[in-house]
Amino acid sequence: MADTKLQPHVIVFSTPTCSFCNMAKKYFREKGITFRDVDVSRDAGAARVMIRRSGQQGVPVIDIGGKIVVGFDRGKIDKYLGL
């Protein structure tokens, strides 16, 4: 990547069957955004972390540098990523 701007750390709390989760991950890949995908259906500890950070049990919950986006909200995602 030619861009030297540091990208915030991105975590996507998701499940394999969630269509909005898959759309969010596809969007990050298209934009060249590195992210960590955490499957909360297989990791109860991660699910608790997600609920504690967001107050939500539904997915996706996206943590962008400590800022939480609930759902696939492209406007908020772009804002928090500086796109």
N, C-alpha and C. Protein backbone atom coordinates (compact mmCIF):
# COMPACT_ATOMS: atom_id res chain seq x y z
N MET A 1 0.83 -1.19 0.00
CA MET A 1 0.00 0.00 0.00
C MET A 1 0.87 1.25 0.00
N ALA A 2 0.60 2.16 -0.88
CA ALA A 2 1.39 3.38 -0.99
C ALA A 2 1.02 4.38 0.10
N ASP A 3 -0.18 4.26 0.66
CA ASP A 3 -0.65 5.20 1.67
C ASP A 3 0.07 4.94 2.99
N THR A 4 0.71 5.98 3.55
CA THR A 4 1.47 5.80 4.79
C THR A 4 0.65 6.20 6.01
N LYS A 5 -0.55 6.69 5.82
CA LYS A 5 -1.42 7.07 6.93
C LYS A 5 -1.76 5.83 7.75
N LEU A 6 -1.61 5.93 9.06
CA LEU A 6 -1.90 4.80 9.92
C LEU A 6 -3.40 4.58 10.04
N GLN A 7 -3.78 3.35 9.85
CA GLN A 7 -5.18 2.96 9.94
C GLN A 7 -5.47 2.56 11.38
N PRO A 8 -6.64 2.98 11.93
CA PRO A 8 -6.97 2.52 13.27
C PRO A 8 -7.19 1.00 13.30
N HIS A 9 -7.00 0.42 14.47
CA HIS A 9 -7.23 -1.01 14.66
C HIS A 9 -8.72 -1.30 14.50
N VAL A 10 -9.06 -2.26 13.63
CA VAL A 10 -10.47 -2.57 13.35
C VAL A 10 -10.76 -4.02 13.75
N ILE A 11 -11.83 -4.19 14.54
CA ILE A 11 -12.30 -5.52 14.93
C ILE A 11 -13.76 -5.63 14.51
N VAL A 12 -14.08 -6.71 13.80
CA VAL A 12 -15.46 -6.96 13.41
C VAL A 12 -15.95 -8.16 14.23
N PHE A 13 -16.89 -7.90 15.13
CA PHE A 13 -17.54 -8.97 15.88
C PHE A 13 -18.70 -9.46 15.01
N SER A 14 -18.67 -10.74 14.65
CA SER A 14 -19.62 -11.23 13.65
C SER A 14 -19.99 -12.68 13.91
N THR A 15 -20.89 -13.18 13.06
CA THR A 15 -21.18 -14.61 12.98
C THR A 15 -21.14 -14.99 11.50
N PRO A 16 -20.88 -16.26 11.20
CA PRO A 16 -20.76 -16.67 9.79
C PRO A 16 -22.05 -16.49 8.99
N THR A 17 -23.20 -16.55 9.63
CA THR A 17 -24.47 -16.50 8.90
C THR A 17 -25.06 -15.10 8.79
N CYS A 18 -24.38 -14.11 9.33
CA CYS A 18 -24.90 -12.74 9.35
C CYS A 18 -24.59 -12.03 8.03
N SER A 19 -25.64 -11.69 7.28
CA SER A 19 -25.43 -11.06 5.97
C SER A 19 -24.82 -9.66 6.10
N PHE A 20 -25.23 -8.89 7.12
CA PHE A 20 -24.65 -7.56 7.29
C PHE A 20 -23.18 -7.64 7.71
N CYS A 21 -22.84 -8.67 8.48
CA CYS A 21 -21.44 -8.90 8.85
C CYS A 21 -20.61 -9.15 7.59
N ASN A 22 -21.12 -10.02 6.74
CA ASN A 22 -20.41 -10.35 5.50
C ASN A 22 -20.29 -9.14 4.58
N MET A 23 -21.33 -8.30 4.54
CA MET A 23 -21.25 -7.08 3.73
C MET A 23 -20.19 -6.14 4.29
N ALA A 24 -20.12 -6.01 5.61
CA ALA A 24 -19.12 -5.14 6.23
C ALA A 24 -17.71 -5.64 5.93
N LYS A 25 -17.48 -6.94 6.07
CA LYS A 25 -16.15 -7.49 5.81
C LYS A 25 -15.77 -7.33 4.35
N LYS A 26 -16.73 -7.53 3.46
CA LYS A 26 -16.48 -7.32 2.03
C LYS A 26 -16.11 -5.86 1.76
N TYR A 27 -16.82 -4.94 2.40
CA TYR A 27 -16.55 -3.51 2.24
C TYR A 27 -15.12 -3.18 2.70
N PHE A 28 -14.72 -3.72 3.86
CA PHE A 28 -13.35 -3.46 4.34
C PHE A 28 -12.32 -4.01 3.36
N ARG A 29 -12.57 -5.21 2.84
CA ARG A 29 -11.62 -5.78 1.87
C ARG A 29 -11.52 -4.92 0.62
N GLU A 30 -12.67 -4.45 0.13
CA GLU A 30 -12.68 -3.59 -1.08
C GLU A 30 -11.92 -2.29 -0.85
N LYS A 31 -11.99 -1.77 0.37
CA LYS A 31 -11.32 -0.50 0.71
C LYS A 31 -9.86 -0.71 1.13
N GLY A 32 -9.43 -1.97 1.22
CA GLY A 32 -8.06 -2.26 1.63
C GLY A 32 -7.83 -2.06 3.12
N ILE A 33 -8.90 -2.18 3.91
CA ILE A 33 -8.82 -1.98 5.35
C ILE A 33 -8.51 -3.32 6.03
N THR A 34 -7.45 -3.36 6.81
CA THR A 34 -7.10 -4.55 7.56
C THR A 34 -8.00 -4.63 8.78
N PHE A 35 -8.54 -5.80 9.04
CA PHE A 35 -9.41 -5.98 10.20
C PHE A 35 -9.25 -7.37 10.78
N ARG A 36 -9.65 -7.48 12.03
CA ARG A 36 -9.67 -8.79 12.69
C ARG A 36 -11.12 -9.21 12.80
N ASP A 37 -11.43 -10.39 12.33
CA ASP A 37 -12.79 -10.93 12.38
C ASP A 37 -12.90 -11.84 13.59
N VAL A 38 -13.86 -11.52 14.47
CA VAL A 38 -14.07 -12.33 15.67
C VAL A 38 -15.46 -12.95 15.59
N ASP A 39 -15.49 -14.28 15.53
CA ASP A 39 -16.74 -15.03 15.43
C ASP A 39 -17.31 -15.23 16.84
N VAL A 40 -18.30 -14.41 17.21
CA VAL A 40 -18.86 -14.49 18.56
C VAL A 40 -19.74 -15.72 18.77
N SER A 41 -20.10 -16.42 17.70
CA SER A 41 -20.87 -17.66 17.86
C SER A 41 -19.98 -18.79 18.35
N ARG A 42 -18.67 -18.65 18.21
CA ARG A 42 -17.74 -19.70 18.63
C ARG A 42 -16.89 -19.28 19.83
N ASP A 43 -16.95 -17.99 20.19
CA ASP A 43 -16.09 -17.48 21.26
C ASP A 43 -16.94 -16.69 22.26
N ALA A 44 -17.34 -17.37 23.33
CA ALA A 44 -18.22 -16.74 24.34
C ALA A 44 -17.55 -15.56 25.02
N GLY A 45 -16.25 -15.64 25.23
CA GLY A 45 -15.51 -14.53 25.84
C GLY A 45 -15.56 -13.29 24.96
N ALA A 46 -15.38 -13.49 23.67
CA ALA A 46 -15.44 -12.37 22.72
C ALA A 46 -16.85 -11.79 22.68
N ALA A 47 -17.86 -12.66 22.78
CA ALA A 47 -19.24 -12.18 22.80
C ALA A 47 -19.47 -11.28 24.01
N ARG A 48 -18.93 -11.66 25.16
CA ARG A 48 -19.07 -10.83 26.36
C ARG A 48 -18.37 -9.49 26.19
N VAL A 49 -17.19 -9.51 25.58
CA VAL A 49 -16.45 -8.27 25.31
C VAL A 49 -17.28 -7.37 24.39
N MET A 50 -17.84 -7.95 23.34
CA MET A 50 -18.66 -7.19 22.39
C MET A 50 -19.84 -6.54 23.10
N ILE A 51 -20.53 -7.31 23.95
CA ILE A 51 -21.70 -6.78 24.65
C ILE A 51 -21.28 -5.67 25.62
N ARG A 52 -20.16 -5.86 26.29
CA ARG A 52 -19.68 -4.85 27.24
C ARG A 52 -19.32 -3.55 26.50
N ARG A 53 -18.67 -3.66 25.35
CA ARG A 53 -18.26 -2.46 24.61
C ARG A 53 -19.43 -1.73 23.96
N SER A 54 -20.42 -2.51 23.48
CA SER A 54 -21.47 -1.90 22.66
C SER A 54 -22.83 -1.83 23.33
N GLY A 55 -23.05 -2.68 24.34
CA GLY A 55 -24.38 -2.78 24.93
C GLY A 55 -25.34 -3.56 24.04
N GLN A 56 -24.83 -4.18 22.98
CA GLN A 56 -25.65 -4.89 22.00
C GLN A 56 -25.31 -6.37 21.97
N GLN A 57 -26.33 -7.18 21.70
CA GLN A 57 -26.08 -8.61 21.51
C GLN A 57 -26.10 -8.99 20.04
N GLY A 58 -26.62 -8.12 19.20
CA GLY A 58 -26.68 -8.39 17.76
C GLY A 58 -25.38 -8.05 17.08
N VAL A 59 -25.18 -8.65 15.93
CA VAL A 59 -23.98 -8.40 15.13
C VAL A 59 -24.39 -7.81 13.77
N PRO A 60 -23.51 -7.13 13.09
CA PRO A 60 -22.13 -6.88 13.46
C PRO A 60 -21.99 -5.73 14.46
N VAL A 61 -20.95 -5.84 15.27
CA VAL A 61 -20.46 -4.73 16.07
C VAL A 61 -19.03 -4.52 15.59
N ILE A 62 -18.73 -3.30 15.20
CA ILE A 62 -17.42 -3.00 14.63
C ILE A 62 -16.73 -2.00 15.54
N ASP A 63 -15.53 -2.35 15.97
CA ASP A 63 -14.71 -1.49 16.82
C ASP A 63 -13.62 -0.90 15.93
N ILE A 64 -13.67 0.42 15.76
CA ILE A 64 -12.68 1.12 14.92
C ILE A 64 -11.91 2.05 15.84
N GLY A 65 -10.74 1.60 16.26
CA GLY A 65 -9.91 2.42 17.14
C GLY A 65 -10.61 2.80 18.43
N GLY A 66 -11.45 1.90 18.95
CA GLY A 66 -12.16 2.16 20.19
C GLY A 66 -13.53 2.81 20.02
N LYS A 67 -13.85 3.21 18.79
CA LYS A 67 -15.17 3.77 18.50
C LYS A 67 -16.05 2.64 17.98
N ILE A 68 -17.26 2.53 18.53
CA ILE A 68 -18.13 1.40 18.22
C ILE A 68 -19.17 1.77 17.18
N VAL A 69 -19.31 0.90 16.18
CA VAL A 69 -20.36 1.01 15.17
C VAL A 69 -21.22 -0.24 15.30
N VAL A 70 -22.52 -0.04 15.53
CA VAL A 70 -23.44 -1.16 15.62
C VAL A 70 -24.14 -1.29 14.27
N GLY A 71 -24.01 -2.47 13.66
CA GLY A 71 -24.58 -2.68 12.33
C GLY A 71 -23.60 -2.22 11.25
N PHE A 72 -24.02 -2.39 10.02
CA PHE A 72 -23.18 -1.98 8.89
C PHE A 72 -23.59 -0.57 8.48
N ASP A 73 -23.08 0.41 9.24
CA ASP A 73 -23.37 1.83 9.02
C ASP A 73 -22.19 2.43 8.26
N ARG A 74 -22.30 2.42 6.94
CA ARG A 74 -21.20 2.85 6.09
C ARG A 74 -20.75 4.28 6.38
N GLY A 75 -21.71 5.16 6.68
CA GLY A 75 -21.37 6.56 6.98
C GLY A 75 -20.48 6.68 8.21
N LYS A 76 -20.84 5.99 9.28
CA LYS A 76 -20.04 6.02 10.50
C LYS A 76 -18.69 5.34 10.28
N ILE A 77 -18.71 4.22 9.57
CA ILE A 77 -17.46 3.50 9.30
C ILE A 77 -16.49 4.41 8.56
N ASP A 78 -16.97 5.05 7.49
CA ASP A 78 -16.09 5.95 6.71
C ASP A 78 -15.59 7.10 7.56
N LYS A 79 -16.48 7.66 8.40
CA LYS A 79 -16.09 8.77 9.27
C LYS A 79 -14.99 8.34 10.23
N TYR A 80 -15.18 7.20 10.90
CA TYR A 80 -14.19 6.75 11.88
C TYR A 80 -12.88 6.32 11.23
N LEU A 81 -12.95 5.89 9.97
CA LEU A 81 -11.72 5.51 9.25
C LEU A 81 -11.07 6.70 8.56
N GLY A 82 -11.78 7.82 8.50
CA GLY A 82 -11.25 9.00 7.82
C GLY A 82 -11.29 8.87 6.31
N LEU A 83 -12.28 8.15 5.79
CA LEU A 83 -12.40 7.96 4.33
C LEU A 83 -13.27 9.03 3.70
